[in-house]
Amino acid sequence: MILDKVYINGQDILSTWNAFMLDTSYNSLLTPVNPKPNIENKNRKEHGKRVLIGDLKLDESTIQLLFHIQGSSTSDYLQNKKAFENELRSGWILFAVQSLKTAYKLCSPEFLDLSTGIGIREGTISVRFAEPNPDDRKEIDDEGNILTIFANTFPNTFD
C-alpha cells in the first residue's frame, strides 16, 4: 500500500478526511487516453471509404478511483465519509497525486460501491469521474502547488 500525498481541491485527503487512495487507482490514472476517432466518409460513388487522418486529439476519459476512509469511531467515520462525499459533489474536482506529479480536472462523480469494515469505523468507496478534456492535465511541483496552476483556468472555483 502506497500512502501518497493526494489532494482534492487543494486539500490533503489524509489530513482532511482521514482517507487515502488505494493502489489499484494508479492503473486508472496511468491508463493512456484514447484519441478521438478519425473522420470517415463512405460514398457510394467511390470504392471503400475515405479516412481523414489529421492532428490527433484526445477523447474524453473516465477515471475510476478507490478511496479508503477511516474514523476513530462510527460517528467520526460517518462524519468523514459525508464530508468527503460532499466535497466530491461540489463541482469541479481538482485532483492531484504527488508521486505522479500530475493534477487532473474531474467532474460528475458516480458513486459505485461502498464496503464497510467491522464496527463501521472504516470503509472503501469506489467513485467514477468524468475527465472532459485529458489535455488539461497539469504537472505539479514537488511541494504539491496545485491551486496556483488551476487558478487561471478555473477562476470561479476559488472565490
N, C-alpha and C. Protein backbone atom coordinates (compact mmCIF):
# COMPACT_ATOMS: atom_id res chain seq x y z
N MET A 1 0.84 -1.18 0.00
CA MET A 1 0.00 0.00 0.00
C MET A 1 0.89 1.24 0.00
N ILE A 2 0.60 2.15 -0.91
CA ILE A 2 1.33 3.40 -1.02
C ILE A 2 0.51 4.49 -0.35
N LEU A 3 1.06 5.15 0.66
CA LEU A 3 0.38 6.31 1.23
C LEU A 3 0.96 7.55 0.57
N ASP A 4 0.36 7.92 -0.52
CA ASP A 4 0.81 9.02 -1.36
C ASP A 4 0.10 10.29 -0.93
N LYS A 5 0.71 11.42 -1.20
CA LYS A 5 0.04 12.70 -0.99
C LYS A 5 -0.96 12.88 -2.12
N VAL A 6 -2.23 12.91 -1.77
CA VAL A 6 -3.30 13.09 -2.74
C VAL A 6 -4.11 14.29 -2.29
N TYR A 7 -4.38 15.19 -3.23
CA TYR A 7 -5.12 16.41 -2.93
C TYR A 7 -6.41 16.46 -3.73
N ILE A 8 -7.47 16.89 -3.08
CA ILE A 8 -8.73 17.18 -3.76
C ILE A 8 -9.04 18.64 -3.47
N ASN A 9 -9.14 19.43 -4.52
CA ASN A 9 -9.38 20.87 -4.40
C ASN A 9 -8.41 21.52 -3.42
N GLY A 10 -7.16 21.09 -3.48
CA GLY A 10 -6.10 21.69 -2.67
C GLY A 10 -6.01 21.16 -1.25
N GLN A 11 -6.85 20.23 -0.87
CA GLN A 11 -6.85 19.69 0.48
C GLN A 11 -6.27 18.28 0.49
N ASP A 12 -5.36 18.04 1.40
CA ASP A 12 -4.77 16.71 1.57
C ASP A 12 -5.86 15.77 2.09
N ILE A 13 -6.16 14.70 1.35
CA ILE A 13 -7.30 13.86 1.74
C ILE A 13 -7.04 13.10 3.04
N LEU A 14 -5.78 12.82 3.36
CA LEU A 14 -5.48 12.09 4.59
C LEU A 14 -5.72 12.97 5.81
N SER A 15 -5.19 14.19 5.79
CA SER A 15 -5.35 15.06 6.96
C SER A 15 -6.74 15.68 7.05
N THR A 16 -7.43 15.83 5.92
CA THR A 16 -8.75 16.47 5.94
C THR A 16 -9.87 15.49 6.24
N TRP A 17 -9.88 14.32 5.58
CA TRP A 17 -10.98 13.36 5.72
C TRP A 17 -10.53 12.00 6.23
N ASN A 18 -9.28 11.88 6.66
CA ASN A 18 -8.71 10.60 7.10
C ASN A 18 -8.95 9.52 6.04
N ALA A 19 -8.64 9.88 4.79
CA ALA A 19 -8.86 8.99 3.65
C ALA A 19 -7.55 8.84 2.87
N PHE A 20 -7.45 7.77 2.13
CA PHE A 20 -6.32 7.61 1.22
C PHE A 20 -6.80 6.86 -0.02
N MET A 21 -6.05 7.02 -1.10
CA MET A 21 -6.37 6.37 -2.36
C MET A 21 -5.72 4.99 -2.38
N LEU A 22 -6.47 3.98 -2.81
CA LEU A 22 -5.93 2.62 -2.88
C LEU A 22 -5.04 2.46 -4.11
N ASP A 23 -4.09 1.54 -4.00
CA ASP A 23 -3.08 1.32 -5.05
C ASP A 23 -3.69 1.02 -6.42
N THR A 24 -4.80 0.31 -6.46
CA THR A 24 -5.40 -0.05 -7.75
C THR A 24 -5.85 1.18 -8.54
N SER A 25 -6.00 2.31 -7.88
CA SER A 25 -6.41 3.54 -8.57
C SER A 25 -5.33 4.04 -9.52
N TYR A 26 -4.08 3.69 -9.25
CA TYR A 26 -3.00 4.15 -10.13
C TYR A 26 -3.17 3.61 -11.55
N ASN A 27 -3.70 2.39 -11.68
CA ASN A 27 -3.93 1.84 -13.02
C ASN A 27 -4.86 2.74 -13.82
N SER A 28 -5.91 3.20 -13.19
CA SER A 28 -6.87 4.07 -13.88
C SER A 28 -6.24 5.41 -14.24
N LEU A 29 -5.44 5.95 -13.33
CA LEU A 29 -4.80 7.25 -13.58
C LEU A 29 -3.72 7.18 -14.66
N LEU A 30 -3.06 6.03 -14.78
CA LEU A 30 -1.95 5.89 -15.73
C LEU A 30 -2.35 5.27 -17.07
N THR A 31 -3.60 4.85 -17.20
CA THR A 31 -4.06 4.28 -18.47
C THR A 31 -4.04 5.36 -19.54
N PRO A 32 -3.42 5.09 -20.69
CA PRO A 32 -3.38 6.11 -21.76
C PRO A 32 -4.80 6.46 -22.23
N VAL A 33 -4.97 7.72 -22.58
CA VAL A 33 -6.26 8.20 -23.08
C VAL A 33 -6.33 7.93 -24.58
N ASN A 34 -7.46 7.43 -25.03
CA ASN A 34 -7.65 7.15 -26.45
C ASN A 34 -7.82 8.44 -27.24
N PRO A 35 -7.33 8.45 -28.48
CA PRO A 35 -7.59 9.61 -29.34
C PRO A 35 -9.02 9.55 -29.87
N LYS A 36 -9.51 10.71 -30.31
CA LYS A 36 -10.81 10.73 -30.96
C LYS A 36 -10.70 9.96 -32.27
N PRO A 37 -11.81 9.37 -32.72
CA PRO A 37 -11.74 8.60 -33.98
C PRO A 37 -11.46 9.51 -35.18
N ASN A 38 -10.85 8.92 -36.21
CA ASN A 38 -10.60 9.66 -37.44
C ASN A 38 -11.93 9.96 -38.14
N ILE A 39 -11.91 10.98 -38.97
CA ILE A 39 -13.09 11.32 -39.76
C ILE A 39 -13.16 10.37 -40.94
N GLU A 40 -14.32 9.74 -41.12
CA GLU A 40 -14.50 8.78 -42.20
C GLU A 40 -15.72 9.17 -43.03
N ASN A 41 -15.65 8.86 -44.32
CA ASN A 41 -16.76 9.15 -45.21
C ASN A 41 -16.90 8.01 -46.21
N LYS A 42 -18.07 7.40 -46.22
CA LYS A 42 -18.37 6.36 -47.21
C LYS A 42 -19.26 6.99 -48.28
N ASN A 43 -18.81 6.89 -49.52
CA ASN A 43 -19.54 7.47 -50.64
C ASN A 43 -19.85 6.35 -51.62
N ARG A 44 -21.08 6.27 -52.04
CA ARG A 44 -21.47 5.19 -52.97
C ARG A 44 -20.74 5.30 -54.30
N LYS A 45 -20.21 6.46 -54.63
CA LYS A 45 -19.55 6.65 -55.92
C LYS A 45 -18.07 6.26 -55.88
N GLU A 46 -17.57 5.89 -54.69
CA GLU A 46 -16.15 5.53 -54.55
C GLU A 46 -16.05 4.15 -53.91
N HIS A 47 -14.95 3.46 -54.20
CA HIS A 47 -14.66 2.18 -53.55
C HIS A 47 -14.18 2.46 -52.12
N GLY A 48 -14.56 1.60 -51.22
CA GLY A 48 -14.07 1.72 -49.85
C GLY A 48 -14.61 2.96 -49.16
N LYS A 49 -13.73 3.59 -48.38
CA LYS A 49 -14.12 4.80 -47.68
C LYS A 49 -12.93 5.74 -47.58
N ARG A 50 -13.20 7.00 -47.40
CA ARG A 50 -12.15 7.99 -47.17
C ARG A 50 -11.90 8.11 -45.67
N VAL A 51 -10.66 8.17 -45.32
CA VAL A 51 -10.28 8.36 -43.92
C VAL A 51 -9.38 9.58 -43.86
N LEU A 52 -9.82 10.57 -43.11
CA LEU A 52 -9.02 11.78 -42.94
C LEU A 52 -8.27 11.68 -41.62
N ILE A 53 -6.95 11.58 -41.74
CA ILE A 53 -6.12 11.49 -40.56
C ILE A 53 -5.40 12.82 -40.43
N GLY A 54 -5.76 13.52 -39.39
CA GLY A 54 -5.16 14.83 -39.18
C GLY A 54 -4.48 14.88 -37.83
N ASP A 55 -4.49 16.04 -37.26
CA ASP A 55 -3.91 16.27 -35.94
C ASP A 55 -4.74 15.50 -34.90
N LEU A 56 -4.15 14.49 -34.28
CA LEU A 56 -4.88 13.68 -33.31
C LEU A 56 -5.24 14.51 -32.08
N LYS A 57 -6.46 14.34 -31.63
CA LYS A 57 -6.96 14.99 -30.42
C LYS A 57 -7.42 13.91 -29.46
N LEU A 58 -7.25 14.17 -28.16
CA LEU A 58 -7.64 13.21 -27.15
C LEU A 58 -9.15 13.23 -26.95
N ASP A 59 -9.70 12.05 -26.71
CA ASP A 59 -11.12 11.92 -26.41
C ASP A 59 -11.33 12.13 -24.91
N GLU A 60 -12.57 12.27 -24.50
CA GLU A 60 -12.86 12.37 -23.07
C GLU A 60 -12.44 11.07 -22.39
N SER A 61 -12.31 11.13 -21.08
CA SER A 61 -11.83 9.97 -20.35
C SER A 61 -12.71 9.72 -19.13
N THR A 62 -12.69 8.50 -18.66
CA THR A 62 -13.36 8.13 -17.41
C THR A 62 -12.30 7.55 -16.49
N ILE A 63 -12.30 8.02 -15.25
CA ILE A 63 -11.31 7.57 -14.27
C ILE A 63 -12.06 7.02 -13.06
N GLN A 64 -11.77 5.77 -12.71
CA GLN A 64 -12.40 5.16 -11.54
C GLN A 64 -11.36 5.04 -10.44
N LEU A 65 -11.69 5.58 -9.26
CA LEU A 65 -10.76 5.62 -8.15
C LEU A 65 -11.37 4.95 -6.93
N LEU A 66 -10.52 4.33 -6.13
CA LEU A 66 -10.94 3.71 -4.87
C LEU A 66 -10.32 4.48 -3.71
N PHE A 67 -11.14 4.85 -2.75
CA PHE A 67 -10.68 5.56 -1.56
C PHE A 67 -11.07 4.77 -0.32
N HIS A 68 -10.18 4.78 0.66
CA HIS A 68 -10.46 4.16 1.95
C HIS A 68 -10.57 5.29 2.97
N ILE A 69 -11.69 5.32 3.69
CA ILE A 69 -11.95 6.37 4.68
C ILE A 69 -12.01 5.70 6.04
N GLN A 70 -11.40 6.36 7.05
CA GLN A 70 -11.36 5.80 8.39
C GLN A 70 -11.86 6.81 9.40
N GLY A 71 -12.24 6.29 10.57
CA GLY A 71 -12.63 7.14 11.69
C GLY A 71 -12.27 6.46 12.98
N SER A 72 -12.14 7.24 14.04
CA SER A 72 -11.81 6.67 15.35
C SER A 72 -13.03 6.03 16.00
N SER A 73 -14.22 6.37 15.50
CA SER A 73 -15.47 5.79 15.99
C SER A 73 -16.45 5.75 14.81
N THR A 74 -17.60 5.16 15.03
CA THR A 74 -18.61 5.11 13.97
C THR A 74 -19.03 6.52 13.57
N SER A 75 -19.29 7.37 14.54
CA SER A 75 -19.73 8.74 14.21
C SER A 75 -18.63 9.53 13.52
N ASP A 76 -17.37 9.33 13.93
CA ASP A 76 -16.25 10.01 13.27
C ASP A 76 -16.11 9.54 11.82
N TYR A 77 -16.23 8.22 11.60
CA TYR A 77 -16.17 7.67 10.25
C TYR A 77 -17.29 8.24 9.38
N LEU A 78 -18.52 8.21 9.89
CA LEU A 78 -19.67 8.71 9.12
C LEU A 78 -19.53 10.19 8.80
N GLN A 79 -18.98 10.95 9.75
CA GLN A 79 -18.75 12.38 9.52
C GLN A 79 -17.70 12.59 8.43
N ASN A 80 -16.59 11.85 8.49
CA ASN A 80 -15.54 11.94 7.46
C ASN A 80 -16.09 11.54 6.09
N LYS A 81 -16.85 10.46 6.06
CA LYS A 81 -17.43 9.95 4.81
C LYS A 81 -18.37 10.98 4.18
N LYS A 82 -19.25 11.55 4.99
CA LYS A 82 -20.21 12.53 4.48
C LYS A 82 -19.49 13.78 3.97
N ALA A 83 -18.51 14.27 4.71
CA ALA A 83 -17.76 15.46 4.28
C ALA A 83 -16.98 15.18 2.99
N PHE A 84 -16.40 13.99 2.89
CA PHE A 84 -15.66 13.60 1.68
C PHE A 84 -16.60 13.54 0.48
N GLU A 85 -17.75 12.91 0.64
CA GLU A 85 -18.73 12.83 -0.45
C GLU A 85 -19.21 14.22 -0.87
N ASN A 86 -19.45 15.09 0.10
CA ASN A 86 -19.89 16.46 -0.22
C ASN A 86 -18.84 17.20 -1.02
N GLU A 87 -17.57 17.01 -0.70
CA GLU A 87 -16.50 17.66 -1.46
C GLU A 87 -16.46 17.14 -2.89
N LEU A 88 -16.65 15.85 -3.05
CA LEU A 88 -16.63 15.27 -4.40
C LEU A 88 -17.81 15.76 -5.24
N ARG A 89 -18.91 16.12 -4.59
CA ARG A 89 -20.10 16.61 -5.30
C ARG A 89 -20.07 18.13 -5.51
N SER A 90 -19.03 18.80 -5.10
CA SER A 90 -19.01 20.27 -5.08
C SER A 90 -18.82 20.93 -6.44
N GLY A 91 -18.70 20.17 -7.49
CA GLY A 91 -18.49 20.74 -8.83
C GLY A 91 -17.22 20.18 -9.43
N TRP A 92 -16.37 21.05 -9.94
CA TRP A 92 -15.08 20.60 -10.49
C TRP A 92 -14.23 20.04 -9.38
N ILE A 93 -13.59 18.92 -9.66
CA ILE A 93 -12.66 18.30 -8.72
C ILE A 93 -11.26 18.50 -9.27
N LEU A 94 -10.44 19.17 -8.51
CA LEU A 94 -9.04 19.36 -8.88
C LEU A 94 -8.26 18.30 -8.10
N PHE A 95 -7.93 17.23 -8.78
CA PHE A 95 -7.39 16.03 -8.16
C PHE A 95 -5.91 15.91 -8.50
N ALA A 96 -5.05 15.91 -7.50
CA ALA A 96 -3.61 15.86 -7.74
C ALA A 96 -2.98 14.73 -6.94
N VAL A 97 -2.03 14.05 -7.58
CA VAL A 97 -1.30 12.94 -6.95
C VAL A 97 0.18 13.30 -6.96
N GLN A 98 0.75 13.43 -5.76
CA GLN A 98 2.13 13.90 -5.62
C GLN A 98 3.12 13.02 -6.36
N SER A 99 3.04 11.70 -6.21
CA SER A 99 4.04 10.82 -6.83
C SER A 99 3.97 10.85 -8.35
N LEU A 100 2.80 11.10 -8.91
CA LEU A 100 2.65 11.18 -10.37
C LEU A 100 2.95 12.58 -10.89
N LYS A 101 3.08 13.53 -9.97
CA LYS A 101 3.32 14.94 -10.32
C LYS A 101 2.32 15.43 -11.36
N THR A 102 1.06 14.99 -11.18
CA THR A 102 0.02 15.33 -12.14
C THR A 102 -1.24 15.74 -11.41
N ALA A 103 -1.91 16.73 -11.98
CA ALA A 103 -3.21 17.17 -11.48
C ALA A 103 -4.23 16.97 -12.59
N TYR A 104 -5.40 16.53 -12.21
CA TYR A 104 -6.47 16.19 -13.15
C TYR A 104 -7.68 17.07 -12.85
N LYS A 105 -8.41 17.46 -13.90
CA LYS A 105 -9.67 18.20 -13.75
C LYS A 105 -10.80 17.23 -13.98
N LEU A 106 -11.50 16.89 -12.92
CA LEU A 106 -12.55 15.88 -12.98
C LEU A 106 -13.90 16.48 -12.60
N CYS A 107 -14.96 15.80 -12.99
CA CYS A 107 -16.31 16.24 -12.61
C CYS A 107 -17.25 15.04 -12.61
N SER A 108 -18.48 15.30 -12.25
CA SER A 108 -19.58 14.32 -12.31
C SER A 108 -19.26 13.00 -11.62
N PRO A 109 -19.05 13.03 -10.30
CA PRO A 109 -18.76 11.76 -9.63
C PRO A 109 -19.95 10.82 -9.66
N GLU A 110 -19.64 9.55 -9.84
CA GLU A 110 -20.66 8.50 -9.79
C GLU A 110 -20.18 7.50 -8.74
N PHE A 111 -20.91 7.42 -7.63
CA PHE A 111 -20.53 6.53 -6.54
C PHE A 111 -21.00 5.12 -6.88
N LEU A 112 -20.05 4.18 -6.97
CA LEU A 112 -20.35 2.85 -7.47
C LEU A 112 -20.52 1.80 -6.38
N ASP A 113 -19.73 1.88 -5.34
CA ASP A 113 -19.73 0.80 -4.36
C ASP A 113 -19.17 1.31 -3.05
N LEU A 114 -19.66 0.75 -1.97
CA LEU A 114 -19.14 1.06 -0.65
C LEU A 114 -19.08 -0.23 0.14
N SER A 115 -17.94 -0.49 0.75
CA SER A 115 -17.84 -1.63 1.66
C SER A 115 -17.31 -1.10 2.98
N THR A 116 -17.96 -1.49 4.07
CA THR A 116 -17.56 -1.01 5.39
C THR A 116 -16.89 -2.12 6.17
N GLY A 117 -16.03 -1.71 7.09
CA GLY A 117 -15.34 -2.66 7.93
C GLY A 117 -16.17 -3.01 9.15
N ILE A 118 -15.65 -3.89 9.96
CA ILE A 118 -16.33 -4.31 11.18
C ILE A 118 -16.43 -3.11 12.12
N GLY A 119 -17.61 -2.90 12.66
CA GLY A 119 -17.81 -1.79 13.59
C GLY A 119 -18.09 -0.47 12.90
N ILE A 120 -18.18 -0.47 11.61
CA ILE A 120 -18.45 0.73 10.80
C ILE A 120 -17.55 1.89 11.23
N ARG A 121 -16.24 1.65 11.27
CA ARG A 121 -15.26 2.70 11.55
C ARG A 121 -14.36 2.96 10.35
N GLU A 122 -14.59 2.20 9.28
CA GLU A 122 -13.81 2.39 8.06
C GLU A 122 -14.59 1.84 6.88
N GLY A 123 -14.27 2.34 5.71
CA GLY A 123 -14.95 1.87 4.52
C GLY A 123 -14.18 2.23 3.27
N THR A 124 -14.42 1.46 2.22
CA THR A 124 -13.80 1.71 0.92
C THR A 124 -14.90 2.08 -0.05
N ILE A 125 -14.68 3.18 -0.76
CA ILE A 125 -15.68 3.68 -1.70
C ILE A 125 -15.06 3.76 -3.09
N SER A 126 -15.83 3.35 -4.08
CA SER A 126 -15.41 3.40 -5.48
C SER A 126 -16.16 4.53 -6.16
N VAL A 127 -15.41 5.40 -6.83
CA VAL A 127 -16.01 6.58 -7.47
C VAL A 127 -15.49 6.68 -8.90
N ARG A 128 -16.42 6.88 -9.83
CA ARG A 128 -16.06 7.07 -11.24
C ARG A 128 -16.26 8.54 -11.58
N PHE A 129 -15.22 9.14 -12.18
CA PHE A 129 -15.25 10.55 -12.57
C PHE A 129 -15.18 10.69 -14.08
N ALA A 130 -15.74 11.77 -14.58
CA ALA A 130 -15.56 12.14 -15.98
C ALA A 130 -14.39 13.11 -16.05
N GLU A 131 -13.55 12.93 -17.07
CA GLU A 131 -12.47 13.88 -17.36
C GLU A 131 -12.76 14.40 -18.77
N PRO A 132 -13.48 15.54 -18.86
CA PRO A 132 -13.91 16.03 -20.18
C PRO A 132 -12.77 16.30 -21.15
N ASN A 133 -11.64 16.80 -20.64
CA ASN A 133 -10.52 17.13 -21.52
C ASN A 133 -9.20 16.68 -20.89
N PRO A 134 -8.74 15.47 -21.19
CA PRO A 134 -7.49 14.98 -20.62
C PRO A 134 -6.27 15.84 -20.96
N ASP A 135 -6.37 16.66 -21.99
CA ASP A 135 -5.27 17.55 -22.34
C ASP A 135 -5.09 18.66 -21.31
N ASP A 136 -6.07 18.82 -20.42
CA ASP A 136 -5.99 19.83 -19.36
C ASP A 136 -5.17 19.36 -18.17
N ARG A 137 -4.66 18.14 -18.19
CA ARG A 137 -3.84 17.67 -17.08
C ARG A 137 -2.63 18.58 -16.94
N LYS A 138 -2.27 18.87 -15.70
CA LYS A 138 -1.15 19.76 -15.43
C LYS A 138 -0.12 19.07 -14.55
N GLU A 139 1.11 19.49 -14.72
CA GLU A 139 2.18 18.98 -13.88
C GLU A 139 2.22 19.81 -12.60
N ILE A 140 2.44 19.15 -11.47
CA ILE A 140 2.56 19.88 -10.21
C ILE A 140 4.00 19.79 -9.73
N ASP A 141 4.37 20.73 -8.87
CA ASP A 141 5.75 20.74 -8.39
C ASP A 141 5.90 19.84 -7.16
N ASP A 142 7.13 19.78 -6.63
CA ASP A 142 7.43 18.88 -5.52
C ASP A 142 6.69 19.24 -4.24
N GLU A 143 6.28 20.50 -4.11
CA GLU A 143 5.54 20.93 -2.92
C GLU A 143 4.04 20.73 -3.07
N GLY A 144 3.61 20.24 -4.23
CA GLY A 144 2.19 20.00 -4.45
C GLY A 144 1.40 21.25 -4.72
N ASN A 145 2.05 22.27 -5.27
CA ASN A 145 1.35 23.52 -5.56
C ASN A 145 0.39 23.30 -6.72
N ILE A 146 -0.86 23.14 -6.39
CA ILE A 146 -1.86 22.88 -7.41
C ILE A 146 -2.76 24.07 -7.65
N LEU A 147 -3.17 24.71 -6.63
CA LEU A 147 -4.17 25.76 -6.78
C LEU A 147 -3.68 26.88 -7.69
N THR A 148 -2.41 27.23 -7.62
CA THR A 148 -1.90 28.29 -8.49
C THR A 148 -1.93 27.86 -9.95
N ILE A 149 -1.76 26.57 -10.20
CA ILE A 149 -1.80 26.05 -11.57
C ILE A 149 -3.20 26.21 -12.15
N PHE A 150 -4.21 25.89 -11.36
CA PHE A 150 -5.58 25.90 -11.86
C PHE A 150 -6.26 27.26 -11.76
N ALA A 151 -5.67 28.19 -11.04
CA ALA A 151 -6.33 29.47 -10.83
C ALA A 151 -6.67 30.17 -12.14
N ASN A 152 -5.82 30.04 -13.15
CA ASN A 152 -6.09 30.70 -14.43
C ASN A 152 -7.19 30.02 -15.22
N THR A 153 -7.34 28.71 -15.08
CA THR A 153 -8.33 28.00 -15.89
C THR A 153 -9.68 27.87 -15.20
N PHE A 154 -9.70 27.94 -13.88
CA PHE A 154 -10.96 27.88 -13.14
C PHE A 154 -11.01 29.02 -12.12
N PRO A 155 -11.07 30.27 -12.56
CA PRO A 155 -11.02 31.37 -11.59
C PRO A 155 -12.20 31.38 -10.62
N ASN A 156 -13.37 30.92 -11.03
CA ASN A 156 -14.54 30.97 -10.16
C ASN A 156 -14.53 29.89 -9.08
N THR A 157 -13.66 28.92 -9.20
CA THR A 157 -13.62 27.81 -8.25
C THR A 157 -13.07 28.25 -6.90
N PHE A 158 -12.31 29.31 -6.86
CA PHE A 158 -11.60 29.66 -5.64
C PHE A 158 -12.10 30.94 -5.00
N ASP A 159 -13.33 31.33 -5.28
CA ASP A 159 -13.89 32.55 -4.65
C ASP A 159 -14.17 32.31 -3.20
